[in-house]
Amino acid sequence: MRCANCVPTLAFTLPPALAAELIGRGIRVNTITIGPMATRLLARSGTSQAILDSQDVARIGRSPVKRLGHPEEVANVALFLASGDSSFVVGSEIAADGGWLLNTM
């Protein structure tokens, strides 16, 4: 059976379920939602640089912060979640997306 909405549904329902299940074992589960990133990942797709550049311009135009994110910014969120400073953060979604999710409201 094919389910086109299974992955998005799991992405939003699985983390809170895991958080509730595992907190009793001292395991905290949280998620990081990312927005468009300034990486070279898509350059390996064989797409022309002109198309990649135009896609970046479009993404930047939709972004409330008017720039692409950097992997280090997401890594800093992950480091926070892995640290003791986040010991009271459980079952949360942190959007390291430059406000990208605001475009869906």
C-alpha atoms as a PDB file:
ATOM      1  CA  MET A   1       0.000   0.000   0.000  1.00  0.00           C
ATOM      2  CA  ARG A   2       1.371   3.397  -0.986  1.00  0.00           C
ATOM      3  CA  CYS A   3       0.911   6.344   1.332  1.00  0.00           C
ATOM      4  CA  ALA A   4       1.946   9.759   0.016  1.00  0.00           C
ATOM      5  CA  ASN A   5       1.298  11.419   3.377  1.00  0.00           C
ATOM      6  CA  CYS A   6       2.941   8.804   5.583  1.00  0.00           C
ATOM      7  CA  VAL A   7       6.338  10.450   5.876  1.00  0.00           C
ATOM      8  CA  PRO A   8       5.024  13.941   6.729  1.00  0.00           C
ATOM      9  CA  THR A   9       2.555  12.407   9.168  1.00  0.00           C
ATOM     10  CA  LEU A  10       5.284  10.387  10.877  1.00  0.00           C
ATOM     11  CA  ALA A  11       7.542  13.428  11.023  1.00  0.00           C
ATOM     12  CA  PHE A  12       4.979  15.219  13.191  1.00  0.00           C
ATOM     13  CA  THR A  13       3.475  12.352  15.198  1.00  0.00           C
ATOM     14  CA  LEU A  14       6.417  10.070  15.929  1.00  0.00           C
ATOM     15  CA  PRO A  15       8.648  12.484  17.924  1.00  0.00           C
ATOM     16  CA  PRO A  16       6.005  13.373  20.564  1.00  0.00           C
ATOM     17  CA  ALA A  17       5.048   9.705  20.879  1.00  0.00           C
ATOM     18  CA  LEU A  18       8.695   8.732  21.331  1.00  0.00           C
ATOM     19  CA  ALA A  19       9.204  11.567  23.816  1.00  0.00           C
ATOM     20  CA  ALA A  20       6.292  10.335  25.945  1.00  0.00           C
ATOM     21  CA  GLU A  21       7.483   6.738  25.732  1.00  0.00           C
ATOM     22  CA  LEU A  22      11.166   7.331  26.472  1.00  0.00           C
ATOM     23  CA  ILE A  23      11.179  10.118  29.067  1.00  0.00           C
ATOM     24  CA  GLY A  24      10.731   7.525  31.824  1.00  0.00           C
ATOM     25  CA  ARG A  25      14.093   6.064  30.783  1.00  0.00           C
ATOM     26  CA  GLY A  26      15.777   9.460  30.938  1.00  0.00           C
ATOM     27  CA  ILE A  27      15.780   9.870  27.157  1.00  0.00           C
ATOM     28  CA  ARG A  28      14.576  13.196  25.805  1.00  0.00           C
ATOM     29  CA  VAL A  29      13.276  13.339  22.237  1.00  0.00           C
ATOM     30  CA  ASN A  30      13.051  16.641  20.366  1.00  0.00           C
ATOM     31  CA  THR A  31      13.105  17.584  16.707  1.00  0.00           C
ATOM     32  CA  ILE A  32      14.767  20.297  14.666  1.00  0.00           C
ATOM     33  CA  THR A  33      12.924  21.612  11.630  1.00  0.00           C
ATOM     34  CA  ILE A  34      15.212  23.280   9.122  1.00  0.00           C
ATOM     35  CA  GLY A  35      14.581  25.706   6.321  1.00  0.00           C
ATOM     36  CA  PRO A  36      16.526  26.310   3.128  1.00  0.00           C
ATOM     37  CA  MET A  37      20.264  25.955   3.685  1.00  0.00           C
ATOM     38  CA  ALA A  38      23.295  27.368   1.926  1.00  0.00           C
ATOM     39  CA  THR A  39      24.971  24.083   1.056  1.00  0.00           C
ATOM     40  CA  ARG A  40      26.327  22.552  -2.137  1.00  0.00           C
ATOM     41  CA  LEU A  41      24.152  19.440  -1.828  1.00  0.00           C
ATOM     42  CA  LEU A  42      21.986  20.260  -4.849  1.00  0.00           C
ATOM     43  CA  ALA A  43      25.062  21.060  -6.951  1.00  0.00           C
ATOM     44  CA  ARG A  44      25.704  17.310  -7.079  1.00  0.00           C
ATOM     45  CA  SER A  45      22.323  16.759  -8.735  1.00  0.00           C
ATOM     46  CA  GLY A  46      23.581  17.797 -12.149  1.00  0.00           C
ATOM     47  CA  THR A  47      21.288  20.829 -12.246  1.00  0.00           C
ATOM     48  CA  SER A  48      22.825  23.868 -13.925  1.00  0.00           C
ATOM     49  CA  GLN A  49      24.293  26.566 -11.707  1.00  0.00           C
ATOM     50  CA  ALA A  50      21.933  29.129 -13.227  1.00  0.00           C
ATOM     51  CA  ILE A  51      18.906  27.118 -12.113  1.00  0.00           C
ATOM     52  CA  LEU A  52      20.391  26.556  -8.662  1.00  0.00           C
ATOM     53  CA  ASP A  53      21.071  30.283  -8.321  1.00  0.00           C
ATOM     54  CA  SER A  54      17.526  31.180  -9.369  1.00  0.00           C
ATOM     55  CA  GLN A  55      16.139  28.690  -6.836  1.00  0.00           C
ATOM     56  CA  ASP A  56      18.267  30.290  -4.113  1.00  0.00           C
ATOM     57  CA  VAL A  57      16.970  33.738  -5.079  1.00  0.00           C
ATOM     58  CA  ALA A  58      13.391  32.452  -4.849  1.00  0.00           C
ATOM     59  CA  ARG A  59      14.007  30.850  -1.449  1.00  0.00           C
ATOM     60  CA  ILE A  60      15.669  33.990  -0.116  1.00  0.00           C
ATOM     61  CA  GLY A  61      12.706  36.032  -1.355  1.00  0.00           C
ATOM     62  CA  ARG A  62      10.274  33.853   0.634  1.00  0.00           C
ATOM     63  CA  SER A  63      12.421  33.819   3.764  1.00  0.00           C
ATOM     64  CA  PRO A  64      11.494  36.324   6.483  1.00  0.00           C
ATOM     65  CA  VAL A  65      15.210  36.781   7.301  1.00  0.00           C
ATOM     66  CA  LYS A  66      16.034  37.227   3.582  1.00  0.00           C
ATOM     67  CA  ARG A  67      18.922  34.761   3.509  1.00  0.00           C
ATOM     68  CA  LEU A  68      19.667  31.062   3.488  1.00  0.00           C
ATOM     69  CA  GLY A  69      20.625  29.297   6.675  1.00  0.00           C
ATOM     70  CA  HIS A  70      24.041  27.844   7.386  1.00  0.00           C
ATOM     71  CA  PRO A  71      24.620  24.290   8.609  1.00  0.00           C
ATOM     72  CA  GLU A  72      26.506  25.653  11.617  1.00  0.00           C
ATOM     73  CA  GLU A  73      23.335  27.405  12.785  1.00  0.00           C
ATOM     74  CA  VAL A  74      21.428  24.122  12.845  1.00  0.00           C
ATOM     75  CA  ALA A  75      24.403  22.408  14.483  1.00  0.00           C
ATOM     76  CA  ASN A  76      24.263  24.978  17.293  1.00  0.00           C
ATOM     77  CA  VAL A  77      20.621  24.074  17.934  1.00  0.00           C
ATOM     78  CA  ALA A  78      21.577  20.380  18.026  1.00  0.00           C
ATOM     79  CA  LEU A  79      24.409  21.144  20.445  1.00  0.00           C
ATOM     80  CA  PHE A  80      21.959  22.979  22.690  1.00  0.00           C
ATOM     81  CA  LEU A  81      19.584  20.006  22.663  1.00  0.00           C
ATOM     82  CA  ALA A  82      22.465  17.646  23.463  1.00  0.00           C
ATOM     83  CA  SER A  83      23.609  19.800  26.381  1.00  0.00           C
ATOM     84  CA  GLY A  84      22.388  19.977  29.941  1.00  0.00           C
ATOM     85  CA  ASP A  85      21.073  23.471  29.200  1.00  0.00           C
ATOM     86  CA  SER A  86      18.096  21.829  27.481  1.00  0.00           C
ATOM     87  CA  SER A  87      17.315  19.361  30.285  1.00  0.00           C
ATOM     88  CA  PHE A  88      13.742  20.708  30.592  1.00  0.00           C
ATOM     89  CA  VAL A  89      13.070  20.576  26.835  1.00  0.00           C
ATOM     90  CA  VAL A  90      11.116  17.409  25.999  1.00  0.00           C
ATOM     91  CA  GLY A  91       8.935  16.575  23.000  1.00  0.00           C
ATOM     92  CA  SER A  92       9.566  19.937  21.378  1.00  0.00           C
ATOM     93  CA  GLU A  93      10.072  20.977  17.798  1.00  0.00           C
ATOM     94  CA  ILE A  94      12.620  23.738  17.363  1.00  0.00           C
ATOM     95  CA  ALA A  95      12.393  25.519  14.029  1.00  0.00           C
ATOM     96  CA  ALA A  96      15.883  26.549  12.920  1.00  0.00           C
ATOM     97  CA  ASP A  97      14.425  27.821   9.679  1.00  0.00           C
ATOM     98  CA  GLY A  98      14.833  31.589   9.574  1.00  0.00           C
ATOM     99  CA  GLY A  99      11.076  31.967   9.928  1.00  0.00           C
ATOM    100  CA  TRP A 100      10.328  29.720   6.948  1.00  0.00           C
ATOM    101  CA  LEU A 101       7.352  28.123   8.736  1.00  0.00           C
ATOM    102  CA  LEU A 102       5.796  31.568   9.105  1.00  0.00           C
ATOM    103  CA  ASN A 103       5.049  31.363   5.375  1.00  0.00           C
ATOM    104  CA  THR A 104       2.555  28.573   6.066  1.00  0.00           C
ATOM    105  CA  MET A 105       0.451  30.608   8.487  1.00  0.00           C
END
